[in-house]
Amino acid sequence: MDYHSIANSGLMWLACLPGVGLIIFQAIIFMRMAYRNGQQMGMDKAVLDVGMKAGLISSIGPSFAILIGMMALIINMGAPFTWMRLSYIGSIMYELLAADMGAQAVGTSLGAADFGELAFASAVWTQTLGAIGWLVIVAVAAHKLEIVRVRLAGGKMGFLPILTVAAMLGAFAYQASSRLLKGGGSTVAVLVGMIAMMVLVTVAHRYKKRWLLQWSLGFAMLLGMFAGGFVPA
């Protein structure tokens, strides 16, 4: 039997549906809790609406990179399993690497002519088991992170927003710096994205275009990716 008939079978869709349904359910619950807690904190409804909209828009840019890699994963691993994996983990680089490692464990590689049922099963288990550690750590330690954040602020609640923003800037800087120093298309992508973000934010503030401010991150990421794609790695 061709493994594609298994990978894209109705039974596989049925097996993957509950996991994706749980993610959608959690997303809805978290959004409602965030909105409700914001109102309880005294935040204006208009501010909450803008923040929610900005978050949704900002998620579009990163999704394009995942979408490109998702096509390669669908060809090899089928649509339902790819749909479930990227809904849970969202790291296309991990999924491709894990799938290929699973295939190599049985003497082939992802996309090879001899990639069959055994390789598919091995890739599925490798992708799944390899990500369990992340989920366990989140389940065990996530609720303690707020305690750590408060202690790092030294009890000064006014310092917490500054600490949170600084942590986010540090994370973005770490991610960007590794690409910036890589050279080639990666460096061009970072530089073009940075310049585009600066220009878009400046224009949005000067002409009071709130919609442009909300879309600026997605536009900057897309411009950076397209620019980097025209330069050899």
C-alpha atoms as a PDB file:
ATOM      1  CA  MET A   1       0.000   0.000   0.000  1.00  0.00           C
ATOM      2  CA  ASP A   2       1.221   3.509  -0.862  1.00  0.00           C
ATOM      3  CA  TYR A   3       1.847   5.286   2.426  1.00  0.00           C
ATOM      4  CA  HIS A   4       0.149   8.436   1.064  1.00  0.00           C
ATOM      5  CA  SER A   5      -3.175   6.607   1.207  1.00  0.00           C
ATOM      6  CA  ILE A   6      -2.566   6.097   4.936  1.00  0.00           C
ATOM      7  CA  ALA A   7      -1.183   9.588   5.588  1.00  0.00           C
ATOM      8  CA  ASN A   8      -4.192  11.271   3.963  1.00  0.00           C
ATOM      9  CA  SER A   9      -6.868   8.759   4.944  1.00  0.00           C
ATOM     10  CA  GLY A  10     -10.116   9.661   6.618  1.00  0.00           C
ATOM     11  CA  LEU A  11      -9.015   7.758   9.716  1.00  0.00           C
ATOM     12  CA  MET A  12      -5.892   9.954   9.976  1.00  0.00           C
ATOM     13  CA  TRP A  13      -8.035  13.097   9.692  1.00  0.00           C
ATOM     14  CA  LEU A  14     -10.288  11.730  12.418  1.00  0.00           C
ATOM     15  CA  ALA A  15      -7.314  10.919  14.662  1.00  0.00           C
ATOM     16  CA  CYS A  16      -5.814  14.421  14.266  1.00  0.00           C
ATOM     17  CA  LEU A  17      -9.072  16.368  14.624  1.00  0.00           C
ATOM     18  CA  PRO A  18      -9.386  16.152  18.459  1.00  0.00           C
ATOM     19  CA  GLY A  19      -5.901  17.595  18.953  1.00  0.00           C
ATOM     20  CA  VAL A  20      -6.548  20.558  16.676  1.00  0.00           C
ATOM     21  CA  GLY A  21      -9.971  21.046  18.243  1.00  0.00           C
ATOM     22  CA  LEU A  22      -8.336  21.257  21.679  1.00  0.00           C
ATOM     23  CA  ILE A  23      -5.922  23.947  20.447  1.00  0.00           C
ATOM     24  CA  ILE A  24      -8.791  26.020  19.006  1.00  0.00           C
ATOM     25  CA  PHE A  25     -10.729  25.619  22.264  1.00  0.00           C
ATOM     26  CA  GLN A  26      -7.718  26.736  24.315  1.00  0.00           C
ATOM     27  CA  ALA A  27      -7.113  29.750  22.077  1.00  0.00           C
ATOM     28  CA  ILE A  28     -10.720  30.901  22.498  1.00  0.00           C
ATOM     29  CA  ILE A  29     -10.585  30.412  26.276  1.00  0.00           C
ATOM     30  CA  PHE A  30      -7.281  32.311  26.595  1.00  0.00           C
ATOM     31  CA  MET A  31      -8.559  35.212  24.482  1.00  0.00           C
ATOM     32  CA  ARG A  32     -11.722  35.487  26.562  1.00  0.00           C
ATOM     33  CA  MET A  33      -9.761  35.334  29.834  1.00  0.00           C
ATOM     34  CA  ALA A  34      -7.290  37.968  28.645  1.00  0.00           C
ATOM     35  CA  TYR A  35     -10.092  40.294  27.579  1.00  0.00           C
ATOM     36  CA  ARG A  36     -12.054  39.769  30.807  1.00  0.00           C
ATOM     37  CA  ASN A  37      -9.000  40.270  33.027  1.00  0.00           C
ATOM     38  CA  GLY A  38      -8.129  43.439  31.120  1.00  0.00           C
ATOM     39  CA  GLN A  39     -11.576  44.840  31.865  1.00  0.00           C
ATOM     40  CA  GLN A  40     -11.235  43.891  35.537  1.00  0.00           C
ATOM     41  CA  MET A  41      -7.913  45.760  35.639  1.00  0.00           C
ATOM     42  CA  GLY A  42      -9.691  48.892  34.438  1.00  0.00           C
ATOM     43  CA  MET A  43      -8.404  48.924  30.872  1.00  0.00           C
ATOM     44  CA  ASP A  44     -10.527  50.779  28.349  1.00  0.00           C
ATOM     45  CA  LYS A  45     -12.553  48.576  25.990  1.00  0.00           C
ATOM     46  CA  ALA A  46     -11.179  50.432  22.952  1.00  0.00           C
ATOM     47  CA  VAL A  47      -7.611  49.689  24.084  1.00  0.00           C
ATOM     48  CA  LEU A  48      -8.430  46.012  24.536  1.00  0.00           C
ATOM     49  CA  ASP A  49     -10.029  45.843  21.089  1.00  0.00           C
ATOM     50  CA  VAL A  50      -6.974  47.464  19.479  1.00  0.00           C
ATOM     51  CA  GLY A  51      -4.622  45.111  21.344  1.00  0.00           C
ATOM     52  CA  MET A  52      -6.609  42.063  20.294  1.00  0.00           C
ATOM     53  CA  LYS A  53      -6.685  43.215  16.681  1.00  0.00           C
ATOM     54  CA  ALA A  54      -2.959  44.024  16.687  1.00  0.00           C
ATOM     55  CA  GLY A  55      -2.166  40.561  18.040  1.00  0.00           C
ATOM     56  CA  LEU A  56      -4.213  38.863  15.345  1.00  0.00           C
ATOM     57  CA  ILE A  57      -2.614  40.943  12.594  1.00  0.00           C
ATOM     58  CA  SER A  58       0.914  40.408  13.936  1.00  0.00           C
ATOM     59  CA  SER A  59       0.422  36.641  13.706  1.00  0.00           C
ATOM     60  CA  ILE A  60       0.001  36.818   9.917  1.00  0.00           C
ATOM     61  CA  GLY A  61       3.641  37.629   9.109  1.00  0.00           C
ATOM     62  CA  PRO A  62       5.210  34.660  10.962  1.00  0.00           C
ATOM     63  CA  SER A  63       2.549  32.381   9.489  1.00  0.00           C
ATOM     64  CA  PHE A  64       3.817  32.954   5.947  1.00  0.00           C
ATOM     65  CA  ALA A  65       7.187  31.372   6.771  1.00  0.00           C
ATOM     66  CA  ILE A  66       5.404  28.374   8.311  1.00  0.00           C
ATOM     67  CA  LEU A  67       3.078  28.124   5.305  1.00  0.00           C
ATOM     68  CA  ILE A  68       6.005  27.764   2.882  1.00  0.00           C
ATOM     69  CA  GLY A  69       7.596  24.966   4.894  1.00  0.00           C
ATOM     70  CA  MET A  70       4.210  23.394   5.531  1.00  0.00           C
ATOM     71  CA  MET A  71       3.818  22.606   1.847  1.00  0.00           C
ATOM     72  CA  ALA A  72       6.995  20.508   1.892  1.00  0.00           C
ATOM     73  CA  LEU A  73       5.838  18.679   5.013  1.00  0.00           C
ATOM     74  CA  ILE A  74       2.375  18.004   3.544  1.00  0.00           C
ATOM     75  CA  ILE A  75       3.914  16.405   0.448  1.00  0.00           C
ATOM     76  CA  ASN A  76       5.869  13.957   2.581  1.00  0.00           C
ATOM     77  CA  MET A  77       3.797  13.509   5.748  1.00  0.00           C
ATOM     78  CA  GLY A  78       0.254  14.122   4.520  1.00  0.00           C
ATOM     79  CA  ALA A  79      -2.136  16.966   5.287  1.00  0.00           C
ATOM     80  CA  PRO A  80      -3.836  15.787   8.526  1.00  0.00           C
ATOM     81  CA  PHE A  81      -0.684  15.007  10.517  1.00  0.00           C
ATOM     82  CA  THR A  82       1.010  18.206   9.299  1.00  0.00           C
ATOM     83  CA  TRP A  83      -2.099  20.175  10.273  1.00  0.00           C
ATOM     84  CA  MET A  84      -2.007  18.730  13.782  1.00  0.00           C
ATOM     85  CA  ARG A  85       1.745  19.069  14.311  1.00  0.00           C
ATOM     86  CA  LEU A  86       1.951  22.713  13.278  1.00  0.00           C
ATOM     87  CA  SER A  87      -1.140  23.509  15.330  1.00  0.00           C
ATOM     88  CA  TYR A  88       0.551  22.148  18.456  1.00  0.00           C
ATOM     89  CA  ILE A  89       4.230  23.026  18.000  1.00  0.00           C
ATOM     90  CA  GLY A  90       4.312  25.568  15.168  1.00  0.00           C
ATOM     91  CA  SER A  91       8.011  25.075  14.416  1.00  0.00           C
ATOM     92  CA  ILE A  92       8.363  23.996  10.817  1.00  0.00           C
ATOM     93  CA  MET A  93      12.145  23.693  11.149  1.00  0.00           C
ATOM     94  CA  TYR A  94      11.787  21.194  14.000  1.00  0.00           C
ATOM     95  CA  GLU A  95       9.121  19.196  12.189  1.00  0.00           C
ATOM     96  CA  LEU A  96      11.158  18.860   8.988  1.00  0.00           C
ATOM     97  CA  LEU A  97      14.312  17.961  10.917  1.00  0.00           C
ATOM     98  CA  ALA A  98      12.528  15.432  13.145  1.00  0.00           C
ATOM     99  CA  ALA A  99      10.740  13.826  10.202  1.00  0.00           C
ATOM    100  CA  ASP A 100      14.028  13.449   8.335  1.00  0.00           C
ATOM    101  CA  MET A 101      15.741  11.990  11.421  1.00  0.00           C
ATOM    102  CA  GLY A 102      12.930   9.469  11.754  1.00  0.00           C
ATOM    103  CA  ALA A 103      13.329   8.500   8.115  1.00  0.00           C
ATOM    104  CA  GLN A 104      17.109   8.160   8.496  1.00  0.00           C
ATOM    105  CA  ALA A 105      16.572   5.807  11.428  1.00  0.00           C
ATOM    106  CA  VAL A 106      15.113   3.242   8.997  1.00  0.00           C
ATOM    107  CA  GLY A 107      17.692   3.828   6.268  1.00  0.00           C
ATOM    108  CA  THR A 108      16.083   6.453   4.048  1.00  0.00           C
ATOM    109  CA  SER A 109      15.444  10.211   4.049  1.00  0.00           C
ATOM    110  CA  LEU A 110      12.487  12.567   3.840  1.00  0.00           C
ATOM    111  CA  GLY A 111      11.278  12.806   0.261  1.00  0.00           C
ATOM    112  CA  ALA A 112      13.388   9.920  -0.997  1.00  0.00           C
ATOM    113  CA  ALA A 113      11.961   7.448  -3.508  1.00  0.00           C
ATOM    114  CA  ASP A 114      12.058   4.635  -0.937  1.00  0.00           C
ATOM    115  CA  PHE A 115      10.277   6.667   1.760  1.00  0.00           C
ATOM    116  CA  GLY A 116       7.436   4.274   2.552  1.00  0.00           C
ATOM    117  CA  GLU A 117       5.119   3.104   5.298  1.00  0.00           C
ATOM    118  CA  LEU A 118       7.882   2.220   7.771  1.00  0.00           C
ATOM    119  CA  ALA A 119       9.675   5.529   7.237  1.00  0.00           C
ATOM    120  CA  PHE A 120       6.397   7.413   7.611  1.00  0.00           C
ATOM    121  CA  ALA A 121       5.628   5.664  10.908  1.00  0.00           C
ATOM    122  CA  SER A 122       9.155   6.299  12.167  1.00  0.00           C
ATOM    123  CA  ALA A 123       8.910   9.995  11.239  1.00  0.00           C
ATOM    124  CA  VAL A 124       5.540  10.324  12.983  1.00  0.00           C
ATOM    125  CA  TRP A 125       6.887   8.849  16.220  1.00  0.00           C
ATOM    126  CA  THR A 126      10.086  10.914  16.059  1.00  0.00           C
ATOM    127  CA  GLN A 127       8.178  14.168  15.603  1.00  0.00           C
ATOM    128  CA  THR A 128       5.751  13.309  18.385  1.00  0.00           C
ATOM    129  CA  LEU A 129       8.124  11.930  21.011  1.00  0.00           C
ATOM    130  CA  GLY A 130      10.757  14.580  20.313  1.00  0.00           C
ATOM    131  CA  ALA A 131       8.373  17.381  21.308  1.00  0.00           C
ATOM    132  CA  ILE A 132       7.056  15.847  24.532  1.00  0.00           C
ATOM    133  CA  GLY A 133       9.800  17.500  26.598  1.00  0.00           C
ATOM    134  CA  TRP A 134       8.599  20.991  25.676  1.00  0.00           C
ATOM    135  CA  LEU A 135       5.005  20.213  26.621  1.00  0.00           C
ATOM    136  CA  VAL A 136       6.008  18.627  29.938  1.00  0.00           C
ATOM    137  CA  ILE A 137       8.128  21.640  30.914  1.00  0.00           C
ATOM    138  CA  VAL A 138       5.288  24.016  30.088  1.00  0.00           C
ATOM    139  CA  ALA A 139       2.801  21.944  32.094  1.00  0.00           C
ATOM    140  CA  VAL A 140       5.118  21.686  35.108  1.00  0.00           C
ATOM    141  CA  ALA A 141       6.747  25.131  35.183  1.00  0.00           C
ATOM    142  CA  ALA A 142       4.545  27.631  33.315  1.00  0.00           C
ATOM    143  CA  HIS A 143       2.464  28.571  36.374  1.00  0.00           C
ATOM    144  CA  LYS A 144       5.647  29.419  38.308  1.00  0.00           C
ATOM    145  CA  LEU A 145       7.000  31.885  35.748  1.00  0.00           C
ATOM    146  CA  GLU A 146       4.927  34.774  37.123  1.00  0.00           C
ATOM    147  CA  ILE A 147       6.511  34.210  40.562  1.00  0.00           C
ATOM    148  CA  VAL A 148       9.960  34.368  38.974  1.00  0.00           C
ATOM    149  CA  ARG A 149       9.040  37.544  37.084  1.00  0.00           C
ATOM    150  CA  VAL A 150       7.854  39.286  40.280  1.00  0.00           C
ATOM    151  CA  ARG A 151      10.995  38.274  42.164  1.00  0.00           C
ATOM    152  CA  LEU A 152      13.223  39.537  39.367  1.00  0.00           C
ATOM    153  CA  ALA A 153      11.495  42.906  39.658  1.00  0.00           C
ATOM    154  CA  GLY A 154      12.407  43.019  43.346  1.00  0.00           C
ATOM    155  CA  GLY A 155       8.828  43.618  44.463  1.00  0.00           C
ATOM    156  CA  LYS A 156       8.549  46.847  42.462  1.00  0.00           C
ATOM    157  CA  MET A 157       5.347  46.329  40.492  1.00  0.00           C
ATOM    158  CA  GLY A 158       5.976  49.398  38.342  1.00  0.00           C
ATOM    159  CA  PHE A 159       9.146  47.749  37.070  1.00  0.00           C
ATOM    160  CA  LEU A 160       7.312  44.644  35.821  1.00  0.00           C
ATOM    161  CA  PRO A 161       6.186  46.162  32.471  1.00  0.00           C
ATOM    162  CA  ILE A 162       9.735  47.374  31.848  1.00  0.00           C
ATOM    163  CA  LEU A 163      11.141  43.946  32.664  1.00  0.00           C
ATOM    164  CA  THR A 164       8.619  42.248  30.363  1.00  0.00           C
ATOM    165  CA  VAL A 165       9.369  44.567  27.432  1.00  0.00           C
ATOM    166  CA  ALA A 166      13.125  44.210  28.013  1.00  0.00           C
ATOM    167  CA  ALA A 167      12.799  40.417  27.942  1.00  0.00           C
ATOM    168  CA  MET A 168      10.862  40.573  24.667  1.00  0.00           C
ATOM    169  CA  LEU A 169      13.417  42.928  23.108  1.00  0.00           C
ATOM    170  CA  GLY A 170      16.209  40.627  24.232  1.00  0.00           C
ATOM    171  CA  ALA A 171      14.498  37.590  22.686  1.00  0.00           C
ATOM    172  CA  PHE A 172      13.925  39.394  19.377  1.00  0.00           C
ATOM    173  CA  ALA A 173      17.486  40.736  19.394  1.00  0.00           C
ATOM    174  CA  TYR A 174      18.886  37.253  19.992  1.00  0.00           C
ATOM    175  CA  GLN A 175      16.886  35.810  17.114  1.00  0.00           C
ATOM    176  CA  ALA A 176      17.734  38.666  14.756  1.00  0.00           C
ATOM    177  CA  SER A 177      21.439  38.842  15.601  1.00  0.00           C
ATOM    178  CA  SER A 178      22.081  35.220  14.652  1.00  0.00           C
ATOM    179  CA  ARG A 179      20.562  35.892  11.204  1.00  0.00           C
ATOM    180  CA  LEU A 180      22.267  39.250  10.886  1.00  0.00           C
ATOM    181  CA  LEU A 181      25.723  37.719  11.327  1.00  0.00           C
ATOM    182  CA  LYS A 182      24.996  34.756   9.062  1.00  0.00           C
ATOM    183  CA  GLY A 183      25.500  36.749   5.889  1.00  0.00           C
ATOM    184  CA  GLY A 184      23.852  36.485   2.489  1.00  0.00           C
ATOM    185  CA  GLY A 185      20.085  36.471   2.282  1.00  0.00           C
ATOM    186  CA  SER A 186      19.667  36.195   6.051  1.00  0.00           C
ATOM    187  CA  THR A 187      21.546  39.433   6.674  1.00  0.00           C
ATOM    188  CA  VAL A 188      19.653  41.229   3.917  1.00  0.00           C
ATOM    189  CA  ALA A 189      16.317  40.016   5.303  1.00  0.00           C
ATOM    190  CA  VAL A 190      17.095  41.361   8.784  1.00  0.00           C
ATOM    191  CA  LEU A 191      18.339  44.731   7.508  1.00  0.00           C
ATOM    192  CA  VAL A 192      15.442  45.258   5.093  1.00  0.00           C
ATOM    193  CA  GLY A 193      12.929  44.213   7.741  1.00  0.00           C
ATOM    194  CA  MET A 194      14.485  46.592  10.287  1.00  0.00           C
ATOM    195  CA  ILE A 195      14.508  49.555   7.893  1.00  0.00           C
ATOM    196  CA  ALA A 196      10.971  48.810   6.727  1.00  0.00           C
ATOM    197  CA  MET A 197       9.742  48.654  10.336  1.00  0.00           C
ATOM    198  CA  MET A 198      11.371  51.988  11.170  1.00  0.00           C
ATOM    199  CA  VAL A 199       9.873  53.664   8.099  1.00  0.00           C
ATOM    200  CA  LEU A 200       6.399  52.206   8.598  1.00  0.00           C
ATOM    201  CA  VAL A 201       6.242  53.140  12.288  1.00  0.00           C
ATOM    202  CA  THR A 202       7.495  56.667  11.556  1.00  0.00           C
ATOM    203  CA  VAL A 203       4.914  57.176   8.799  1.00  0.00           C
ATOM    204  CA  ALA A 204       2.137  55.713  10.955  1.00  0.00           C
ATOM    205  CA  HIS A 205       2.893  58.090  13.837  1.00  0.00           C
ATOM    206  CA  ARG A 206       3.422  61.153  11.653  1.00  0.00           C
ATOM    207  CA  TYR A 207       0.185  60.731   9.700  1.00  0.00           C
ATOM    208  CA  LYS A 208      -1.729  59.123  12.581  1.00  0.00           C
ATOM    209  CA  LYS A 209      -2.449  55.936  10.635  1.00  0.00           C
ATOM    210  CA  ARG A 210      -3.312  53.455  13.373  1.00  0.00           C
ATOM    211  CA  TRP A 211      -4.045  50.646  10.904  1.00  0.00           C
ATOM    212  CA  LEU A 212      -0.531  50.995   9.450  1.00  0.00           C
ATOM    213  CA  LEU A 213       0.966  50.744  12.927  1.00  0.00           C
ATOM    214  CA  GLN A 214      -0.951  47.517  13.521  1.00  0.00           C
ATOM    215  CA  TRP A 215       0.109  46.008  10.195  1.00  0.00           C
ATOM    216  CA  SER A 216       3.713  47.286  10.294  1.00  0.00           C
ATOM    217  CA  LEU A 217       5.251  44.129  11.777  1.00  0.00           C
ATOM    218  CA  GLY A 218       3.625  41.865   9.188  1.00  0.00           C
ATOM    219  CA  PHE A 219       4.605  44.175   6.306  1.00  0.00           C
ATOM    220  CA  ALA A 220       8.193  44.469   7.570  1.00  0.00           C
ATOM    221  CA  MET A 221       8.567  40.701   7.897  1.00  0.00           C
ATOM    222  CA  LEU A 222       7.188  40.088   4.409  1.00  0.00           C
ATOM    223  CA  LEU A 223       9.466  42.715   2.852  1.00  0.00           C
ATOM    224  CA  GLY A 224      12.456  41.234   4.677  1.00  0.00           C
ATOM    225  CA  MET A 225      11.640  37.697   3.546  1.00  0.00           C
ATOM    226  CA  PHE A 226      11.159  38.713  -0.085  1.00  0.00           C
ATOM    227  CA  ALA A 227      14.368  40.765  -0.100  1.00  0.00           C
ATOM    228  CA  GLY A 228      16.350  37.930   1.480  1.00  0.00           C
ATOM    229  CA  GLY A 229      14.930  35.455  -1.022  1.00  0.00           C
ATOM    230  CA  PHE A 230      16.620  37.256  -3.930  1.00  0.00           C
ATOM    231  CA  VAL A 231      20.078  36.981  -2.348  1.00  0.00           C
ATOM    232  CA  PRO A 232      22.091  33.719  -2.281  1.00  0.00           C
ATOM    233  CA  ALA A 233      22.377  32.144   1.174  1.00  0.00           C
END
